[in-house]
């Protein structure tokens, strides 16, 4: 579960947790790589992290993948977890990076980004690299994570040698706190990090912060929006973490789920805000996946944006999970995966497509925070703007009780994003939507 992806040229690399534990972490980190634009895939497990892969750690979690074009290195950052040992001690987490220098087909053992201390709990890492040759910081890579032992203090670490060595963790200028930050890099080298911030103990906000000096210093957190969310009756683990990307002009796109456009906050929509500098953000707009008042509940978006196209022609692919009935329960909830596209930087959108489902919520593994498919999913676009979403699909257990059977899927051949644009951002959508499309036209999925 919990996939991230990155696409560069004809190579697409995905990474994910394998073997989830009820109370946190997984048996190992898996990967799947395509070197022919998504036609075929090779997969395996990262070496040297957990004891199942001849490593020192008990569990691993939160994988994120990036590519460093200057040094020709693929990277997967993850959390390496010590559960306490014998006799039991405190749980310890380190942020590590695994490198590949042959196009994501073989991987080295992990290298340390940050070692957690006895009173820290490092969490929710994410890595991105500056792949703009015109940038003064071309070849820098940035990893964001937080220290839950210090109230989710936001930390950033930088590497300038292809992930071999990482600099000391740096805070934002205002010592900001938050969770699930995703850095992206603009063509001028400015790094913009969107995050679910915690400006006060009882308040969360979608925030951002920037660095204009290659990660030497980080600015103050600024507000994008204060989310309003509908809480499902089913026990689904779906934290409202933002997903972020940047287009060829440097415009940054941030999406999350929010109920502000629905009467009585009766369901969640996917919403969008954009910025040209990471400091000033546009008003929040609704992505028209379904009509307002439809009762469909949307969450966990993963956005992909064409990185070589200017804003007015930027192609967007957006994947998300949804419940057709927002008021369903554990016994009745059926979970689907949806996809929607824009070819004009989010000004207009196509009608959405159903990619997978229905899945019974009970087919997912149960964790301390509910039934889990992952705290995030991902969409990546090839240079020809064909999108490859990667998402977790749960299959019915063969026996009861039985281990949960959840696998990573994408769409065979990818999904085009260069056509369409019938619905305005923030519009009502079209009644009927997907139900009017014959099921034979749904793209088939490939494990």
Protein backbone atom coordinates (compact mmCIF):
# COMPACT_ATOMS: atom_id res chain seq x y z
CA UNK A 1 0.00 0.00 0.00
CA UNK A 2 0.83 3.73 0.02
CA UNK A 3 2.54 4.23 -3.37
CA UNK A 4 4.58 7.12 -4.67
CA UNK A 5 5.79 7.42 -8.27
CA UNK A 6 8.14 9.53 -10.36
CA UNK A 7 8.54 9.67 -14.14
CA UNK A 8 11.60 10.86 -16.08
CA UNK A 9 11.89 10.21 -19.81
CA UNK A 10 10.68 6.68 -20.49
CA UNK A 11 11.37 5.48 -16.93
CA UNK A 12 8.69 5.33 -14.24
CA UNK A 13 9.57 4.19 -10.73
CA UNK A 14 7.00 3.39 -8.07
CA UNK A 15 7.57 2.52 -4.43
CA UNK A 16 5.25 1.31 -1.68
CA UNK A 17 4.95 -0.42 1.69
CA UNK A 18 4.83 -4.23 1.70
CA UNK A 19 3.41 -6.21 4.62
CA UNK A 20 1.69 -3.60 6.78
CA UNK A 21 1.61 -4.02 10.56
CA UNK A 22 -1.45 -3.11 12.61
CA UNK A 23 0.45 -0.67 14.84
CA UNK A 24 2.74 0.95 12.28
CA UNK A 25 5.27 0.29 9.55
CA UNK A 26 5.69 -2.60 7.14
CA UNK A 27 7.87 -5.65 6.57
CA UNK A 28 9.80 -3.86 3.82
CA UNK A 29 9.67 -1.28 1.02
CA UNK A 30 8.82 -2.53 -2.45
CA UNK A 31 9.53 -1.01 -5.84
CA UNK A 32 8.29 -1.43 -9.41
CA UNK A 33 10.12 0.11 -12.39
CA UNK A 34 9.21 0.50 -16.04
CA UNK A 35 11.92 1.55 -18.52
CA UNK A 36 9.61 1.50 -21.54
CA UNK A 37 7.05 4.12 -20.59
CA UNK A 38 4.79 1.84 -18.57
CA UNK A 39 4.48 -1.04 -21.04
CA UNK A 40 6.27 -3.57 -18.83
CA UNK A 41 7.35 -3.56 -15.19
CA UNK A 42 10.09 -5.09 -13.05
CA UNK A 43 9.64 -5.26 -9.29
CA UNK A 44 11.43 -6.19 -6.09
CA UNK A 45 12.27 -5.14 -2.54
CA UNK A 46 14.81 -2.66 -1.23
CA UNK A 47 17.86 -4.41 0.28
CA UNK A 48 19.47 -3.80 3.63
CA UNK A 49 16.68 -1.98 5.47
CA UNK A 50 14.63 -4.54 7.39
CA UNK A 51 15.79 -7.83 8.82
CA UNK A 52 13.80 -9.64 6.11
CA UNK A 53 16.22 -8.03 3.61
CA UNK A 54 19.41 -8.54 5.62
CA UNK A 55 19.17 -5.15 7.29
CA UNK A 56 19.22 -4.03 10.92
CA UNK A 57 15.71 -2.60 11.19
CA UNK A 58 12.46 -4.21 12.27
CA UNK A 59 10.11 -2.32 9.96
CA UNK A 60 10.01 0.35 7.25
CA UNK A 61 7.44 2.90 6.14
CA UNK A 62 6.54 6.05 4.17
CA UNK A 63 8.41 5.50 0.87
CA UNK A 64 8.94 8.41 -1.54
CA UNK A 65 10.75 8.29 -4.90
CA UNK A 66 12.74 10.98 -6.75
CA UNK A 67 15.23 11.26 -9.62
CA UNK A 68 18.41 13.35 -9.68
CA UNK A 69 19.03 14.10 -13.37
CA UNK A 70 22.42 15.76 -12.83
CA UNK A 71 23.92 12.71 -11.13
CA UNK A 72 21.75 10.08 -12.87
CA UNK A 73 20.53 8.65 -9.56
CA UNK A 74 17.11 7.37 -8.55
CA UNK A 75 16.32 7.62 -4.83
CA UNK A 76 13.74 6.11 -2.53
CA UNK A 77 13.57 7.70 0.90
CA UNK A 78 11.83 5.85 3.72
CA UNK A 79 11.56 5.50 7.46
CA UNK A 80 13.69 2.77 9.01
CA UNK A 81 12.08 1.65 12.27
CA UNK A 82 13.44 -0.08 15.38
CA UNK A 83 10.47 -1.34 17.37
CA UNK A 84 12.23 -1.62 20.70
CA UNK A 85 14.35 -4.75 20.72
CA UNK A 86 14.76 -7.10 23.65
CA UNK A 87 14.35 -6.05 26.37
CA UNK A 88 11.78 -3.60 24.94
CA UNK A 89 12.98 -0.05 24.52
CA UNK A 90 11.61 3.07 22.82
CA UNK A 91 10.62 2.94 19.17
CA UNK A 92 13.29 4.67 17.07
CA UNK A 93 12.96 5.95 13.51
CA UNK A 94 15.64 7.03 11.06
CA UNK A 95 15.16 8.67 7.67
CA UNK A 96 17.17 6.77 5.04
CA UNK A 97 17.67 6.92 1.27
CA UNK A 98 18.22 3.97 -1.09
CA UNK A 99 19.97 4.76 -4.40
CA UNK A 100 19.88 3.25 -7.88
CA UNK A 101 22.38 4.18 -10.60
CA UNK A 102 21.05 1.82 -13.31
CA UNK A 103 17.62 3.29 -13.98
CA UNK A 104 15.78 1.92 -10.97
CA UNK A 105 16.48 -1.75 -11.66
CA UNK A 106 18.86 -2.50 -8.77
CA UNK A 107 19.21 -0.68 -5.48
CA UNK A 108 21.98 -0.04 -2.97
CA UNK A 109 21.67 -0.39 0.77
CA UNK A 110 20.28 2.58 2.68
CA UNK A 111 22.21 5.76 3.45
CA UNK A 112 21.40 7.89 6.47
CA UNK A 113 19.58 11.19 6.03
CA UNK A 114 18.80 11.73 9.70
CA UNK A 115 19.19 9.47 12.71
CA UNK A 116 16.40 9.78 15.26
CA UNK A 117 17.29 10.40 18.88
CA UNK A 118 15.85 8.74 22.00
CA UNK A 119 13.21 11.44 22.39
CA UNK A 120 12.41 12.00 18.70
CA UNK A 121 10.06 10.22 16.31
CA UNK A 122 10.86 11.12 12.71
CA UNK A 123 7.89 10.77 10.37
CA UNK A 124 6.44 11.34 6.89
CA UNK A 125 9.54 11.91 4.76
CA UNK A 126 9.34 13.11 1.13
CA UNK A 127 12.16 13.70 -1.38
CA UNK A 128 12.41 15.83 -4.54
CA UNK A 129 15.34 16.95 -6.72
CA UNK A 130 16.19 20.05 -8.76
CA UNK A 131 16.25 18.79 -12.35
CA UNK A 132 16.41 22.20 -14.05
CA UNK A 133 19.81 22.71 -15.77
CA UNK A 134 19.29 26.49 -15.71
CA UNK A 135 18.82 26.51 -11.93
CA UNK A 136 21.78 27.67 -9.81
CA UNK A 137 21.08 24.65 -7.58
CA UNK A 138 20.77 22.03 -10.32
CA UNK A 139 21.41 18.61 -8.78
CA UNK A 140 20.33 19.48 -5.24
CA UNK A 141 17.89 17.05 -3.64
CA UNK A 142 15.66 17.91 -0.70
CA UNK A 143 14.05 15.64 1.88
CA UNK A 144 11.30 16.92 4.16
CA UNK A 145 10.28 15.12 7.34
CA UNK A 146 8.97 16.01 10.78
CA UNK A 147 9.82 15.11 14.35
CA UNK A 148 6.65 13.99 16.10
CA UNK A 149 8.60 13.89 19.36
CA UNK A 150 8.89 17.69 19.08
CA UNK A 151 5.28 18.36 18.15
CA UNK A 152 5.80 17.55 14.44
CA UNK A 153 8.59 20.09 14.05
CA UNK A 154 9.24 20.53 10.29
CA UNK A 155 12.76 19.60 9.15
CA UNK A 156 14.54 19.81 5.76
CA UNK A 157 17.79 18.15 4.69
CA UNK A 158 19.71 18.74 1.44
CA UNK A 159 22.08 16.61 -0.65
CA UNK A 160 24.22 17.91 -3.51
CA UNK A 161 26.03 14.67 -4.43
CA UNK A 162 23.27 12.33 -5.60
CA UNK A 163 22.10 11.31 -2.14
CA UNK A 164 25.46 10.05 -0.87
CA UNK A 165 25.58 12.61 1.93
CA UNK A 166 22.88 14.76 3.51
CA UNK A 167 23.21 18.04 5.34
CA UNK A 168 22.00 18.84 8.85
CA UNK A 169 18.23 19.20 9.30
CA UNK A 170 17.02 22.78 9.15
CA UNK A 171 13.75 24.24 10.44
CA UNK A 172 11.57 26.89 8.87
CA UNK A 173 12.21 30.48 9.90
CA UNK A 174 9.25 30.36 12.29
CA UNK A 175 9.99 26.86 13.66
CA UNK A 176 6.85 25.59 11.94
CA UNK A 177 5.11 22.32 12.75
CA UNK A 178 3.32 20.05 10.32
CA UNK A 179 2.94 16.68 8.65
CA UNK A 180 3.16 15.25 5.14
CA UNK A 181 5.15 17.98 3.39
CA UNK A 182 5.88 17.58 -0.34
CA UNK A 183 8.70 19.67 -1.85
CA UNK A 184 8.68 20.67 -5.54
CA UNK A 185 11.31 22.72 -7.37
CA UNK A 186 10.59 25.62 -9.74
CA UNK A 187 12.75 26.23 -12.85
CA UNK A 188 14.59 29.08 -11.07
CA UNK A 189 15.64 26.74 -8.25
CA UNK A 190 13.12 27.92 -5.66
CA UNK A 191 11.87 25.04 -3.53
CA UNK A 192 8.22 25.16 -2.49
CA UNK A 193 7.00 22.76 0.19
CA UNK A 194 3.27 22.29 0.81
CA UNK A 195 2.29 20.67 4.08
CA UNK A 196 -0.54 19.98 6.50
CA UNK A 197 0.61 22.53 9.04
CA UNK A 198 -0.24 22.90 12.70
CA UNK A 199 -0.18 26.66 13.44
CA UNK A 200 -1.66 25.93 16.88
CA UNK A 201 -2.33 22.89 19.03
CA UNK A 202 -6.01 22.60 18.08
CA UNK A 203 -5.83 23.89 14.51
CA UNK A 204 -4.61 22.50 11.20
CA UNK A 205 -4.05 24.40 7.95
CA UNK A 206 -2.73 23.74 4.48
CA UNK A 207 0.51 25.73 4.47
CA UNK A 208 3.65 26.25 2.41
CA UNK A 209 7.21 27.49 2.85
CA UNK A 210 10.08 28.15 0.44
CA UNK A 211 13.84 28.23 0.06
CA UNK A 212 15.52 30.48 -2.50
CA UNK A 213 19.13 29.60 -1.62
CA UNK A 214 19.34 25.89 -2.34
CA UNK A 215 18.12 24.74 1.05
CA UNK A 216 20.56 26.75 3.17
CA UNK A 217 17.63 28.55 4.80
CA UNK A 218 13.86 28.10 4.77
CA UNK A 219 11.26 30.85 5.03
CA UNK A 220 8.30 31.12 7.35
CA UNK A 221 5.22 28.96 6.84
CA UNK A 222 2.42 30.82 5.06
CA UNK A 223 -1.24 29.89 4.95
CA UNK A 224 -2.88 28.46 1.83
CA UNK A 225 -6.23 27.58 3.40
CA UNK A 226 -7.85 26.19 6.53
CA UNK A 227 -9.51 22.93 5.43
CA UNK A 228 -13.01 21.88 6.38
CA UNK A 229 -13.55 18.14 6.29
CA UNK A 230 -16.41 15.69 6.46
CA UNK A 231 -15.68 12.72 8.73
CA UNK A 232 -16.74 9.36 7.35
CA UNK A 233 -18.82 6.98 9.44
CA UNK A 234 -16.64 4.14 8.20
CA UNK A 235 -13.29 3.68 9.93
CA UNK A 236 -11.13 4.71 6.96
CA UNK A 237 -7.64 6.03 7.56
CA UNK A 238 -7.41 9.05 5.24
CA UNK A 239 -5.46 11.99 6.73
CA UNK A 240 -5.95 15.21 4.77
CA UNK A 241 -2.39 15.44 3.45
CA UNK A 242 -1.79 17.71 0.44
CA UNK A 243 -0.43 16.50 -2.89
CA UNK A 244 1.74 18.92 -4.87
CA UNK A 245 3.33 19.32 -8.34
CA UNK A 246 4.84 22.07 -10.53
CA UNK A 247 4.44 22.85 -14.25
CA UNK A 248 6.94 24.08 -16.82
CA UNK A 249 6.25 27.74 -16.01
CA UNK A 250 6.92 27.20 -12.32
CA UNK A 251 3.33 27.35 -11.15
CA UNK A 252 2.80 25.10 -8.13
CA UNK A 253 -0.42 23.09 -7.76
CA UNK A 254 -1.62 21.84 -4.37
CA UNK A 255 -4.68 19.62 -3.91
CA UNK A 256 -6.37 18.21 -0.81
CA UNK A 257 -9.88 17.16 0.21
CA UNK A 258 -12.40 19.58 1.68
CA UNK A 259 -16.16 19.83 2.31
CA UNK A 260 -16.64 23.62 2.08
CA UNK A 261 -18.53 23.48 -1.24
CA UNK A 262 -21.01 20.80 -0.12
CA UNK A 263 -24.28 21.74 1.64
CA UNK A 264 -23.86 21.19 5.36
CA UNK A 265 -20.33 19.86 4.84
CA UNK A 266 -21.99 16.56 3.90
CA UNK A 267 -19.12 15.08 1.82
CA UNK A 268 -15.58 15.89 0.70
CA UNK A 269 -14.50 17.26 -2.67
CA UNK A 270 -11.00 17.53 -4.10
CA UNK A 271 -9.95 21.19 -4.08
CA UNK A 272 -7.05 23.08 -5.67
CA UNK A 273 -4.92 26.15 -5.02
CA UNK A 274 -1.99 27.42 -7.11
CA UNK A 275 0.95 29.77 -6.66
CA UNK A 276 3.73 31.24 -8.76
CA UNK A 277 6.05 31.93 -5.83
CA UNK A 278 4.98 29.65 -2.97
CA UNK A 279 4.00 32.67 -0.88
CA UNK A 280 0.86 34.04 -2.55
CA UNK A 281 -1.85 31.47 -3.27
CA UNK A 282 -5.01 31.54 -5.36
CA UNK A 283 -8.49 31.17 -3.87
CA UNK A 284 -9.50 27.56 -3.32
CA UNK A 285 -11.32 26.00 -6.29
CA UNK A 286 -13.34 22.81 -6.43
CA UNK A 287 -12.35 20.07 -8.86
CA UNK A 288 -15.65 18.98 -10.49
CA UNK A 289 -15.35 15.22 -10.01
CA UNK A 290 -19.10 14.92 -9.26
CA UNK A 291 -22.00 17.38 -8.98
CA UNK A 292 -22.34 19.36 -5.77
CA UNK A 293 -24.82 17.58 -3.53
CA UNK A 294 -24.23 14.20 -5.19
CA UNK A 295 -23.42 12.55 -1.87
CA UNK A 296 -20.14 11.20 -3.25
CA UNK A 297 -17.23 11.49 -0.81
CA UNK A 298 -13.75 12.10 -2.34
CA UNK A 299 -10.36 11.93 -0.59
CA UNK A 300 -6.63 11.12 -0.82
CA UNK A 301 -5.76 12.87 -4.11
CA UNK A 302 -2.51 12.24 -5.99
CA UNK A 303 -1.75 14.90 -8.61
CA UNK A 304 0.54 14.71 -11.64
CA UNK A 305 1.38 17.76 -13.80
CA UNK A 306 3.31 18.03 -17.07
CA UNK A 307 6.60 19.59 -16.00
CA UNK A 308 7.61 20.81 -19.47
CA UNK A 309 4.47 22.75 -20.40
CA UNK A 310 3.51 26.34 -19.52
CA UNK A 311 0.59 26.98 -17.24
CA UNK A 312 -2.07 27.63 -19.88
CA UNK A 313 -1.41 24.28 -21.56
CA UNK A 314 -0.27 22.28 -18.54
CA UNK A 315 -1.79 18.81 -18.46
CA UNK A 316 -2.98 17.51 -15.10
CA UNK A 317 -3.85 13.97 -14.11
CA UNK A 318 -5.56 13.60 -10.73
CA UNK A 319 -6.24 10.24 -9.05
CA UNK A 320 -8.26 9.84 -5.86
CA UNK A 321 -10.36 7.44 -3.79
CA UNK A 322 -14.08 7.94 -3.30
CA UNK A 323 -17.16 6.48 -1.63
CA UNK A 324 -20.31 6.70 -3.80
CA UNK A 325 -22.31 7.02 -0.56
CA UNK A 326 -20.75 9.40 1.95
CA UNK A 327 -22.99 8.08 4.75
CA UNK A 328 -22.08 4.42 4.40
CA UNK A 329 -20.69 2.35 7.29
CA UNK A 330 -18.00 -0.30 7.66
CA UNK A 331 -20.56 -2.90 6.67
CA UNK A 332 -21.85 -1.06 3.59
CA UNK A 333 -19.01 1.14 2.29
CA UNK A 334 -17.72 0.34 -1.19
CA UNK A 335 -14.48 2.10 -2.13
CA UNK A 336 -13.61 3.16 -5.70
CA UNK A 337 -10.64 4.79 -7.43
CA UNK A 338 -11.33 7.76 -9.70
CA UNK A 339 -9.34 9.81 -12.22
CA UNK A 340 -9.92 13.22 -13.79
CA UNK A 341 -7.83 15.37 -16.14
CA UNK A 342 -7.28 18.96 -17.19
CA UNK A 343 -5.35 20.22 -20.23
CA UNK A 344 -5.31 23.91 -19.29
CA UNK A 345 -3.70 24.09 -15.86
CA UNK A 346 -6.90 23.31 -13.97
CA UNK A 347 -9.17 25.91 -15.58
CA UNK A 348 -11.43 23.18 -17.00
CA UNK A 349 -11.72 19.44 -16.39
CA UNK A 350 -12.96 16.32 -18.12
CA UNK A 351 -15.63 14.00 -16.75
CA UNK A 352 -14.06 11.61 -14.30
CA UNK A 353 -13.31 7.94 -14.94
CA UNK A 354 -13.60 5.01 -12.59
CA UNK A 355 -10.32 3.06 -12.48
CA UNK A 356 -10.99 0.39 -9.85
CA UNK A 357 -13.62 -0.86 -7.43
CA UNK A 358 -15.91 -1.42 -5.79
CA UNK A 359 -13.82 -2.68 -2.88
CA UNK A 360 -15.34 -3.60 0.44
CA UNK A 361 -13.68 -1.47 3.12
CA UNK A 362 -13.24 -4.59 5.22
CA UNK A 363 -10.90 -6.05 2.59
CA UNK A 364 -8.28 -3.47 3.59
CA UNK A 365 -5.84 -4.09 6.45
CA UNK A 366 -7.00 -2.68 9.75
CA UNK A 367 -4.59 -0.39 11.64
CA UNK A 368 -4.61 1.70 14.79
CA UNK A 369 -6.13 4.55 12.75
CA UNK A 370 -8.62 2.55 10.72
CA UNK A 371 -8.80 0.59 7.49
CA UNK A 372 -5.80 1.59 5.40
CA UNK A 373 -4.88 1.73 1.70
CA UNK A 374 -2.12 4.27 2.38
CA UNK A 375 -1.87 7.87 3.52
CA UNK A 376 -1.12 8.95 -0.07
CA UNK A 377 -1.29 7.76 -3.69
CA UNK A 378 0.44 9.07 -6.80
CA UNK A 379 0.10 10.06 -10.44
CA UNK A 380 3.02 10.65 -12.84
CA UNK A 381 2.97 11.92 -16.42
CA UNK A 382 5.26 10.83 -19.25
CA UNK A 383 6.71 13.58 -21.48
CA UNK A 384 3.88 12.89 -23.98
CA UNK A 385 1.42 13.71 -21.11
CA UNK A 386 0.17 10.13 -20.78
CA UNK A 387 -0.60 9.61 -17.09
CA UNK A 388 0.24 6.57 -15.00
CA UNK A 389 -1.61 6.57 -11.68
CA UNK A 390 -0.47 3.98 -9.14
CA UNK A 391 -2.94 2.96 -6.45
CA UNK A 392 -3.72 0.14 -4.03
CA UNK A 393 -6.55 -2.27 -4.86
CA UNK A 394 -7.87 -4.67 -2.24
CA UNK A 395 -9.10 -8.13 -3.24
CA UNK A 396 -11.53 -10.32 -1.28
CA UNK A 397 -9.84 -12.53 1.34
CA UNK A 398 -9.80 -16.17 0.25
CA UNK A 399 -10.61 -17.39 3.76
CA UNK A 400 -11.81 -15.89 7.03
CA UNK A 401 -9.79 -14.88 8.93
CA UNK A 402 -7.09 -14.32 6.33
CA UNK A 403 -4.24 -11.98 5.47
CA UNK A 404 -5.40 -9.01 3.46
CA UNK A 405 -4.63 -9.14 -0.26
CA UNK A 406 -3.76 -5.65 -1.46
CA UNK A 407 -1.63 -5.02 -4.56
CA UNK A 408 -0.32 -2.07 -6.54
CA UNK A 409 -2.07 -1.34 -9.82
CA UNK A 410 -1.74 1.05 -12.74
CA UNK A 411 -3.69 1.44 -15.98
CA UNK A 412 -2.43 -0.63 -18.90
CA UNK A 413 -1.17 1.80 -21.53
CA UNK A 414 -1.69 4.81 -19.31
CA UNK A 415 -4.36 7.49 -19.49
CA UNK A 416 -4.39 10.41 -21.94
CA UNK A 417 -4.58 13.90 -20.46
CA UNK A 418 -4.42 15.98 -23.66
CA UNK A 419 -8.13 15.92 -24.49
CA UNK A 420 -11.28 17.13 -22.79
CA UNK A 421 -11.98 20.13 -20.59
CA UNK A 422 -15.77 20.28 -20.51
CA UNK A 423 -16.27 21.24 -16.86
CA UNK A 424 -15.17 24.49 -15.26
CA UNK A 425 -13.16 24.35 -12.05
CA UNK A 426 -15.59 24.90 -9.22
CA UNK A 427 -18.52 23.97 -11.46
CA UNK A 428 -21.34 21.57 -10.74
CA UNK A 429 -20.24 18.77 -13.04
CA UNK A 430 -22.67 16.67 -15.00
CA UNK A 431 -25.49 14.62 -13.47
CA UNK A 432 -25.00 10.93 -14.12
CA UNK A 433 -21.29 11.31 -14.88
CA UNK A 434 -19.58 7.96 -14.89
CA UNK A 435 -22.79 5.96 -14.64
CA UNK A 436 -23.61 6.93 -18.22
CA UNK A 437 -20.35 5.44 -19.54
CA UNK A 438 -20.57 1.75 -20.55
CA UNK A 439 -18.32 -0.37 -18.35
CA UNK A 440 -16.59 -1.78 -21.43
CA UNK A 441 -15.01 1.63 -21.97
CA UNK A 442 -13.28 1.65 -18.58
CA UNK A 443 -9.51 1.22 -18.99
CA UNK A 444 -8.35 -2.18 -17.78
CA UNK A 445 -5.86 -2.25 -14.93
CA UNK A 446 -2.57 -4.11 -14.75
CA UNK A 447 -1.01 -5.39 -11.55
